[in-house]
Amino acid sequence: GSLRLSCAASGRTFSYLVMGWFRQAPGKDRE
């Protein structure tokens, strides 16, 4: 299946932000 995650940002000019996604499974490091 599929999912779409969203990330709403505030506090800085968005077009000057580098954006990233990370994930962390139980017992594992954030990757």
PDB file of all heavy atoms in Angstrom:
ATOM      1  N   GLY A   1       0.808  -1.218   0.000  1.00  0.00           N
ATOM      2  CA  GLY A   1       0.000   0.000   0.000  1.00  0.00           C
ATOM      3  C   GLY A   1       0.838   1.263   0.000  1.00  0.00           C
ATOM      4  O   GLY A   1       2.066   1.220  -0.107  1.00  0.00           O
ATOM      5  N   SER A   2       0.136   2.396   0.122  1.00  0.00           N
ATOM      6  CA  SER A   2       0.776   3.705   0.056  1.00  0.00           C
ATOM      7  C   SER A   2       0.318   4.595   1.189  1.00  0.00           C
ATOM      8  O   SER A   2      -0.808   4.445   1.703  1.00  0.00           O
ATOM      9  CB  SER A   2       0.446   4.396  -1.280  1.00  0.00           C
ATOM     10  OG  SER A   2       0.928   3.658  -2.375  1.00  0.00           O
ATOM     11  N   LEU A   3       1.190   5.506   1.568  1.00  0.00           N
ATOM     12  CA  LEU A   3       0.863   6.561   2.510  1.00  0.00           C
ATOM     13  C   LEU A   3       1.585   7.824   2.076  1.00  0.00           C
ATOM     14  O   LEU A   3       2.659   7.749   1.454  1.00  0.00           O
ATOM     15  CB  LEU A   3       1.312   6.211   3.935  1.00  0.00           C
ATOM     16  CG  LEU A   3       0.466   5.248   4.760  1.00  0.00           C
ATOM     17  CD1 LEU A   3       1.165   4.949   6.078  1.00  0.00           C
ATOM     18  CD2 LEU A   3      -0.925   5.800   5.014  1.00  0.00           C
ATOM     19  N   ARG A   4       1.012   8.964   2.431  1.00  0.00           N
ATOM     20  CA  ARG A   4       1.663  10.239   2.154  1.00  0.00           C
ATOM     21  C   ARG A   4       1.814  10.999   3.472  1.00  0.00           C
ATOM     22  O   ARG A   4       0.804  11.334   4.102  1.00  0.00           O
ATOM     23  CB  ARG A   4       0.855  11.070   1.172  1.00  0.00           C
ATOM     24  CG  ARG A   4       1.585  12.313   0.674  1.00  0.00           C
ATOM     25  CD  ARG A   4       0.630  13.237  -0.052  1.00  0.00           C
ATOM     26  NE  ARG A   4       1.330  14.213  -0.878  1.00  0.00           N
ATOM     27  CZ  ARG A   4       0.780  15.364  -1.259  1.00  0.00           C
ATOM     28  NH1 ARG A   4      -0.453  15.670  -0.904  1.00  0.00           N
ATOM     29  NH2 ARG A   4       1.477  16.203  -2.027  1.00  0.00           N
ATOM     30  N   LEU A   5       3.039  11.255   3.848  1.00  0.00           N
ATOM     31  CA  LEU A   5       3.312  12.020   5.053  1.00  0.00           C
ATOM     32  C   LEU A   5       3.466  13.494   4.700  1.00  0.00           C
ATOM     33  O   LEU A   5       4.006  13.832   3.639  1.00  0.00           O
ATOM     34  CB  LEU A   5       4.590  11.526   5.739  1.00  0.00           C
ATOM     35  CG  LEU A   5       4.651  10.046   6.087  1.00  0.00           C
ATOM     36  CD1 LEU A   5       5.949   9.741   6.836  1.00  0.00           C
ATOM     37  CD2 LEU A   5       3.456   9.606   6.888  1.00  0.00           C
ATOM     38  N   SER A   6       3.010  14.342   5.603  1.00  0.00           N
ATOM     39  CA  SER A   6       3.153  15.778   5.435  1.00  0.00           C
ATOM     40  C   SER A   6       3.921  16.356   6.615  1.00  0.00           C
ATOM     41  O   SER A   6       3.849  15.826   7.732  1.00  0.00           O
ATOM     42  CB  SER A   6       1.779  16.458   5.349  1.00  0.00           C
ATOM     43  OG  SER A   6       1.060  16.004   4.237  1.00  0.00           O
ATOM     44  N   CYS A   7       4.612  17.438   6.368  1.00  0.00           N
ATOM     45  CA  CYS A   7       5.369  18.129   7.414  1.00  0.00           C
ATOM     46  C   CYS A   7       5.137  19.630   7.238  1.00  0.00           C
ATOM     47  O   CYS A   7       5.634  20.217   6.274  1.00  0.00           O
ATOM     48  CB  CYS A   7       6.846  17.795   7.317  1.00  0.00           C
ATOM     49  SG  CYS A   7       7.896  18.714   8.451  1.00  0.00           S
ATOM     50  N   ALA A   8       4.393  20.202   8.149  1.00  0.00           N
ATOM     51  CA  ALA A   8       4.107  21.630   8.105  1.00  0.00           C
ATOM     52  C   ALA A   8       5.147  22.374   8.926  1.00  0.00           C
ATOM     53  O   ALA A   8       5.398  22.027  10.091  1.00  0.00           O
ATOM     54  CB  ALA A   8       2.721  21.906   8.654  1.00  0.00           C
ATOM     55  N   ALA A   9       5.751  23.387   8.336  1.00  0.00           N
ATOM     56  CA  ALA A   9       6.831  24.125   8.992  1.00  0.00           C
ATOM     57  C   ALA A   9       6.418  25.562   9.268  1.00  0.00           C
ATOM     58  O   ALA A   9       5.653  26.159   8.512  1.00  0.00           O
ATOM     59  CB  ALA A   9       8.074  24.103   8.109  1.00  0.00           C
ATOM     60  N   SER A  10       6.960  26.096  10.344  1.00  0.00           N
ATOM     61  CA  SER A  10       6.744  27.507  10.684  1.00  0.00           C
ATOM     62  C   SER A  10       7.953  28.010  11.458  1.00  0.00           C
ATOM     63  O   SER A  10       8.731  27.225  11.994  1.00  0.00           O
ATOM     64  CB  SER A  10       5.467  27.681  11.518  1.00  0.00           C
ATOM     65  OG  SER A  10       5.559  26.960  12.720  1.00  0.00           O
ATOM     66  N   GLY A  11       8.094  29.334  11.483  1.00  0.00           N
ATOM     67  CA  GLY A  11       9.161  29.934  12.266  1.00  0.00           C
ATOM     68  C   GLY A  11      10.360  30.404  11.471  1.00  0.00           C
ATOM     69  O   GLY A  11      11.169  31.170  11.989  1.00  0.00           O
ATOM     70  N   ARG A  12      10.507  29.934  10.262  1.00  0.00           N
ATOM     71  CA  ARG A  12      11.586  30.379   9.376  1.00  0.00           C
ATOM     72  C   ARG A  12      11.039  30.431   7.966  1.00  0.00           C
ATOM     73  O   ARG A  12      10.059  29.765   7.632  1.00  0.00           O
ATOM     74  CB  ARG A  12      12.770  29.400   9.412  1.00  0.00           C
ATOM     75  CG  ARG A  12      13.692  29.486  10.595  1.00  0.00           C
ATOM     76  CD  ARG A  12      14.651  30.669  10.511  1.00  0.00           C
ATOM     77  NE  ARG A  12      15.415  30.717   9.287  1.00  0.00           N
ATOM     78  CZ  ARG A  12      16.586  30.117   9.106  1.00  0.00           C
ATOM     79  NH1 ARG A  12      17.119  29.397  10.081  1.00  0.00           N
ATOM     80  NH2 ARG A  12      17.228  30.227   7.961  1.00  0.00           N
ATOM     81  N   THR A  13      11.718  31.197   7.115  1.00  0.00           N
ATOM     82  CA  THR A  13      11.324  31.221   5.706  1.00  0.00           C
ATOM     83  C   THR A  13      11.538  29.838   5.107  1.00  0.00           C
ATOM     84  O   THR A  13      12.671  29.348   5.051  1.00  0.00           O
ATOM     85  CB  THR A  13      12.140  32.264   4.938  1.00  0.00           C
ATOM     86  OG1 THR A  13      11.946  33.539   5.545  1.00  0.00           O
ATOM     87  CG2 THR A  13      11.697  32.309   3.486  1.00  0.00           C
ATOM     88  N   PHE A  14      10.453  29.217   4.690  1.00  0.00           N
ATOM     89  CA  PHE A  14      10.503  27.806   4.298  1.00  0.00           C
ATOM     90  C   PHE A  14      11.448  27.567   3.140  1.00  0.00           C
ATOM     91  O   PHE A  14      12.119  26.533   3.085  1.00  0.00           O
ATOM     92  CB  PHE A  14       9.092  27.327   3.958  1.00  0.00           C
ATOM     93  CG  PHE A  14       8.989  25.848   3.734  1.00  0.00           C
ATOM     94  CD1 PHE A  14       9.146  24.966   4.793  1.00  0.00           C
ATOM     95  CD2 PHE A  14       8.732  25.333   2.468  1.00  0.00           C
ATOM     96  CE1 PHE A  14       9.057  23.598   4.602  1.00  0.00           C
ATOM     97  CE2 PHE A  14       8.637  23.981   2.270  1.00  0.00           C
ATOM     98  CZ  PHE A  14       8.798  23.095   3.335  1.00  0.00           C
ATOM     99  N   SER A  15      11.528  28.516   2.218  1.00  0.00           N
ATOM    100  CA  SER A  15      12.344  28.297   1.024  1.00  0.00           C
ATOM    101  C   SER A  15      13.844  28.361   1.320  1.00  0.00           C
ATOM    102  O   SER A  15      14.648  28.140   0.417  1.00  0.00           O
ATOM    103  CB  SER A  15      11.977  29.306  -0.061  1.00  0.00           C
ATOM    104  OG  SER A  15      12.167  30.620   0.410  1.00  0.00           O
ATOM    105  N   TYR A  16      14.218  28.646   2.559  1.00  0.00           N
ATOM    106  CA  TYR A  16      15.621  28.590   2.966  1.00  0.00           C
ATOM    107  C   TYR A  16      15.936  27.339   3.786  1.00  0.00           C
ATOM    108  O   TYR A  16      17.034  27.203   4.307  1.00  0.00           O
ATOM    109  CB  TYR A  16      15.999  29.838   3.767  1.00  0.00           C
ATOM    110  CG  TYR A  16      16.276  31.038   2.895  1.00  0.00           C
ATOM    111  CD1 TYR A  16      15.241  31.805   2.392  1.00  0.00           C
ATOM    112  CD2 TYR A  16      17.569  31.403   2.550  1.00  0.00           C
ATOM    113  CE1 TYR A  16      15.469  32.902   1.579  1.00  0.00           C
ATOM    114  CE2 TYR A  16      17.819  32.507   1.748  1.00  0.00           C
ATOM    115  CZ  TYR A  16      16.766  33.246   1.261  1.00  0.00           C
ATOM    116  OH  TYR A  16      17.007  34.321   0.460  1.00  0.00           O
ATOM    117  N   LEU A  17      14.970  26.457   3.907  1.00  0.00           N
ATOM    118  CA  LEU A  17      15.157  25.239   4.698  1.00  0.00           C
ATOM    119  C   LEU A  17      15.467  24.041   3.819  1.00  0.00           C
ATOM    120  O   LEU A  17      14.751  23.782   2.849  1.00  0.00           O
ATOM    121  CB  LEU A  17      13.909  24.922   5.520  1.00  0.00           C
ATOM    122  CG  LEU A  17      13.455  25.957   6.548  1.00  0.00           C
ATOM    123  CD1 LEU A  17      12.164  25.496   7.209  1.00  0.00           C
ATOM    124  CD2 LEU A  17      14.529  26.200   7.585  1.00  0.00           C
ATOM    125  N   VAL A  18      16.502  23.306   4.170  1.00  0.00           N
ATOM    126  CA  VAL A  18      16.715  21.977   3.623  1.00  0.00           C
ATOM    127  C   VAL A  18      15.857  21.030   4.449  1.00  0.00           C
ATOM    128  O   VAL A  18      15.880  21.076   5.678  1.00  0.00           O
ATOM    129  CB  VAL A  18      18.190  21.561   3.710  1.00  0.00           C
ATOM    130  CG1 VAL A  18      18.368  20.127   3.215  1.00  0.00           C
ATOM    131  CG2 VAL A  18      19.061  22.527   2.916  1.00  0.00           C
ATOM    132  N   MET A  19      15.086  20.188   3.785  1.00  0.00           N
ATOM    133  CA  MET A  19      14.155  19.303   4.477  1.00  0.00           C
ATOM    134  C   MET A  19      14.593  17.850   4.351  1.00  0.00           C
ATOM    135  O   MET A  19      15.118  17.420   3.321  1.00  0.00           O
ATOM    136  CB  MET A  19      12.752  19.458   3.906  1.00  0.00           C
ATOM    137  CG  MET A  19      12.185  20.859   4.009  1.00  0.00           C
ATOM    138  SD  MET A  19      12.096  21.459   5.704  1.00  0.00           S
ATOM    139  CE  MET A  19      10.917  20.313   6.410  1.00  0.00           C
ATOM    140  N   GLY A  20      14.366  17.110   5.423  1.00  0.00           N
ATOM    141  CA  GLY A  20      14.714  15.698   5.422  1.00  0.00           C
ATOM    142  C   GLY A  20      13.671  14.869   6.141  1.00  0.00           C
ATOM    143  O   GLY A  20      12.881  15.385   6.936  1.00  0.00           O
ATOM    144  N   TRP A  21      13.658  13.595   5.831  1.00  0.00           N
ATOM    145  CA  TRP A  21      12.838  12.615   6.543  1.00  0.00           C
ATOM    146  C   TRP A  21      13.760  11.521   7.071  1.00  0.00           C
ATOM    147  O   TRP A  21      14.635  11.033   6.350  1.00  0.00           O
ATOM    148  CB  TRP A  21      11.794  11.999   5.634  1.00  0.00           C
ATOM    149  CG  TRP A  21      10.659  12.907   5.273  1.00  0.00           C
ATOM    150  CD1 TRP A  21      10.551  13.689   4.169  1.00  0.00           C
ATOM    151  CD2 TRP A  21       9.463  13.125   6.031  1.00  0.00           C
ATOM    152  NE1 TRP A  21       9.366  14.381   4.195  1.00  0.00           N
ATOM    153  CE2 TRP A  21       8.674  14.048   5.327  1.00  0.00           C
ATOM    154  CE3 TRP A  21       8.973  12.618   7.248  1.00  0.00           C
ATOM    155  CZ2 TRP A  21       7.427  14.493   5.783  1.00  0.00           C
ATOM    156  CZ3 TRP A  21       7.741  13.057   7.700  1.00  0.00           C
ATOM    157  CH2 TRP A  21       6.978  13.989   6.976  1.00  0.00           C
ATOM    158  N   PHE A  22      13.529  11.162   8.321  1.00  0.00           N
ATOM    159  CA  PHE A  22      14.253  10.080   8.970  1.00  0.00           C
ATOM    160  C   PHE A  22      13.224   9.126   9.561  1.00  0.00           C
ATOM    161  O   PHE A  22      12.055   9.469   9.695  1.00  0.00           O
ATOM    162  CB  PHE A  22      15.164  10.622  10.075  1.00  0.00           C
ATOM    163  CG  PHE A  22      16.344  11.398   9.565  1.00  0.00           C
ATOM    164  CD1 PHE A  22      16.190  12.672   9.034  1.00  0.00           C
ATOM    165  CD2 PHE A  22      17.614  10.862   9.604  1.00  0.00           C
ATOM    166  CE1 PHE A  22      17.271  13.388   8.548  1.00  0.00           C
ATOM    167  CE2 PHE A  22      18.710  11.564   9.130  1.00  0.00           C
ATOM    168  CZ  PHE A  22      18.526  12.836   8.600  1.00  0.00           C
ATOM    169  N   ARG A  23      13.670   7.949   9.938  1.00  0.00           N
ATOM    170  CA  ARG A  23      12.764   7.014  10.604  1.00  0.00           C
ATOM    171  C   ARG A  23      13.518   6.230  11.662  1.00  0.00           C
ATOM    172  O   ARG A  23      14.737   6.046  11.584  1.00  0.00           O
ATOM    173  CB  ARG A  23      12.114   6.065   9.592  1.00  0.00           C
ATOM    174  CG  ARG A  23      13.075   5.102   8.907  1.00  0.00           C
ATOM    175  CD  ARG A  23      12.335   4.327   7.831  1.00  0.00           C
ATOM    176  NE  ARG A  23      13.210   3.359   7.172  1.00  0.00           N
ATOM    177  CZ  ARG A  23      12.853   2.634   6.114  1.00  0.00           C
ATOM    178  NH1 ARG A  23      11.637   2.766   5.589  1.00  0.00           N
ATOM    179  NH2 ARG A  23      13.700   1.778   5.577  1.00  0.00           N
ATOM    180  N   GLN A  24      12.743   5.769  12.642  1.00  0.00           N
ATOM    181  CA  GLN A  24      13.327   4.994  13.730  1.00  0.00           C
ATOM    182  C   GLN A  24      12.399   3.840  14.076  1.00  0.00           C
ATOM    183  O   GLN A  24      11.264   4.046  14.508  1.00  0.00           O
ATOM    184  CB  GLN A  24      13.564   5.872  14.957  1.00  0.00           C
ATOM    185  CG  GLN A  24      14.341   5.187  16.061  1.00  0.00           C
ATOM    186  CD  GLN A  24      14.839   6.167  17.101  1.00  0.00           C
ATOM    187  OE1 GLN A  24      14.384   7.306  17.204  1.00  0.00           O
ATOM    188  NE2 GLN A  24      15.801   5.732  17.897  1.00  0.00           N
ATOM    189  N   ALA A  25      12.899   2.637  13.869  1.00  0.00           N
ATOM    190  CA  ALA A  25      12.168   1.432  14.231  1.00  0.00           C
ATOM    191  C   ALA A  25      12.526   1.051  15.665  1.00  0.00           C
ATOM    192  O   ALA A  25      13.590   1.434  16.162  1.00  0.00           O
ATOM    193  CB  ALA A  25      12.516   0.307  13.269  1.00  0.00           C
ATOM    194  N   PRO A  26      11.666   0.278  16.335  1.00  0.00           N
ATOM    195  CA  PRO A  26      11.958  -0.117  17.719  1.00  0.00           C
ATOM    196  C   PRO A  26      13.304  -0.812  17.847  1.00  0.00           C
ATOM    197  O   PRO A  26      13.616  -1.729  17.086  1.00  0.00           O
ATOM    198  CB  PRO A  26      10.802  -1.068  18.049  1.00  0.00           C
ATOM    199  CG  PRO A  26       9.697  -0.637  17.156  1.00  0.00           C
ATOM    200  CD  PRO A  26      10.349  -0.199  15.879  1.00  0.00           C
ATOM    201  N   GLY A  27      14.116  -0.339  18.787  1.00  0.00           N
ATOM    202  CA  GLY A  27      15.409  -0.952  19.032  1.00  0.00           C
ATOM    203  C   GLY A  27      16.492  -0.602  18.051  1.00  0.00           C
ATOM    204  O   GLY A  27      17.599  -1.148  18.111  1.00  0.00           O
ATOM    205  N   LYS A  28      16.181   0.320  17.136  1.00  0.00           N
ATOM    206  CA  LYS A  28      17.173   0.689  16.122  1.00  0.00           C
ATOM    207  C   LYS A  28      17.467   2.189  16.184  1.00  0.00           C
ATOM    208  O   LYS A  28      16.690   2.965  16.750  1.00  0.00           O
ATOM    209  CB  LYS A  28      16.668   0.313  14.730  1.00  0.00           C
ATOM    210  CG  LYS A  28      16.528  -1.182  14.513  1.00  0.00           C
ATOM    211  CD  LYS A  28      16.204  -1.494  13.061  1.00  0.00           C
ATOM    212  CE  LYS A  28      16.147  -2.984  12.808  1.00  0.00           C
ATOM    213  NZ  LYS A  28      15.863  -3.300  11.376  1.00  0.00           N
ATOM    214  N   ASP A  29      18.578   2.569  15.572  1.00  0.00           N
ATOM    215  CA  ASP A  29      18.922   3.981  15.495  1.00  0.00           C
ATOM    216  C   ASP A  29      18.032   4.696  14.481  1.00  0.00           C
ATOM    217  O   ASP A  29      17.490   4.072  13.562  1.00  0.00           O
ATOM    218  CB  ASP A  29      20.382   4.144  15.085  1.00  0.00           C
ATOM    219  CG  ASP A  29      21.346   3.702  16.172  1.00  0.00           C
ATOM    220  OD1 ASP A  29      20.949   3.728  17.357  1.00  0.00           O
ATOM    221  OD2 ASP A  29      22.486   3.350  15.826  1.00  0.00           O
ATOM    222  N   ARG A  30      17.930   6.001  14.642  1.00  0.00           N
ATOM    223  CA  ARG A  30      17.211   6.803  13.665  1.00  0.00           C
ATOM    224  C   ARG A  30      18.039   6.847  12.381  1.00  0.00           C
ATOM    225  O   ARG A  30      19.229   7.156  12.401  1.00  0.00           O
ATOM    226  CB  ARG A  30      16.980   8.210  14.210  1.00  0.00           C
ATOM    227  CG  ARG A  30      15.999   9.035  13.415  1.00  0.00           C
ATOM    228  CD  ARG A  30      15.667  10.332  14.104  1.00  0.00           C
ATOM    229  NE  ARG A  30      15.048  10.118  15.413  1.00  0.00           N
ATOM    230  CZ  ARG A  30      14.541  11.092  16.158  1.00  0.00           C
ATOM    231  NH1 ARG A  30      14.565  12.355  15.713  1.00  0.00           N
ATOM    232  NH2 ARG A  30      14.011  10.824  17.343  1.00  0.00           N
ATOM    233  N   GLU A  31      17.376   6.548  11.257  1.00  0.00           N
ATOM    234  CA  GLU A  31      18.108   6.459  10.004  1.00  0.00           C
ATOM    235  C   GLU A  31      17.552   7.421   8.959  1.00  0.00           C
ATOM    236  O   GLU A  31      16.362   7.757   8.953  1.00  0.00           O
ATOM    237  CB  GLU A  31      18.056   5.031   9.452  1.00  0.00           C
ATOM    238  CG  GLU A  31      16.688   4.540   9.069  1.00  0.00           C
ATOM    239  CD  GLU A  31      16.715   3.154   8.419  1.00  0.00           C
ATOM    240  OE1 GLU A  31      17.796   2.546   8.349  1.00  0.00           O
ATOM    241  OE2 GLU A  31      15.647   2.705   7.981  1.00  0.00           O
TER     242      GLU A  31
END
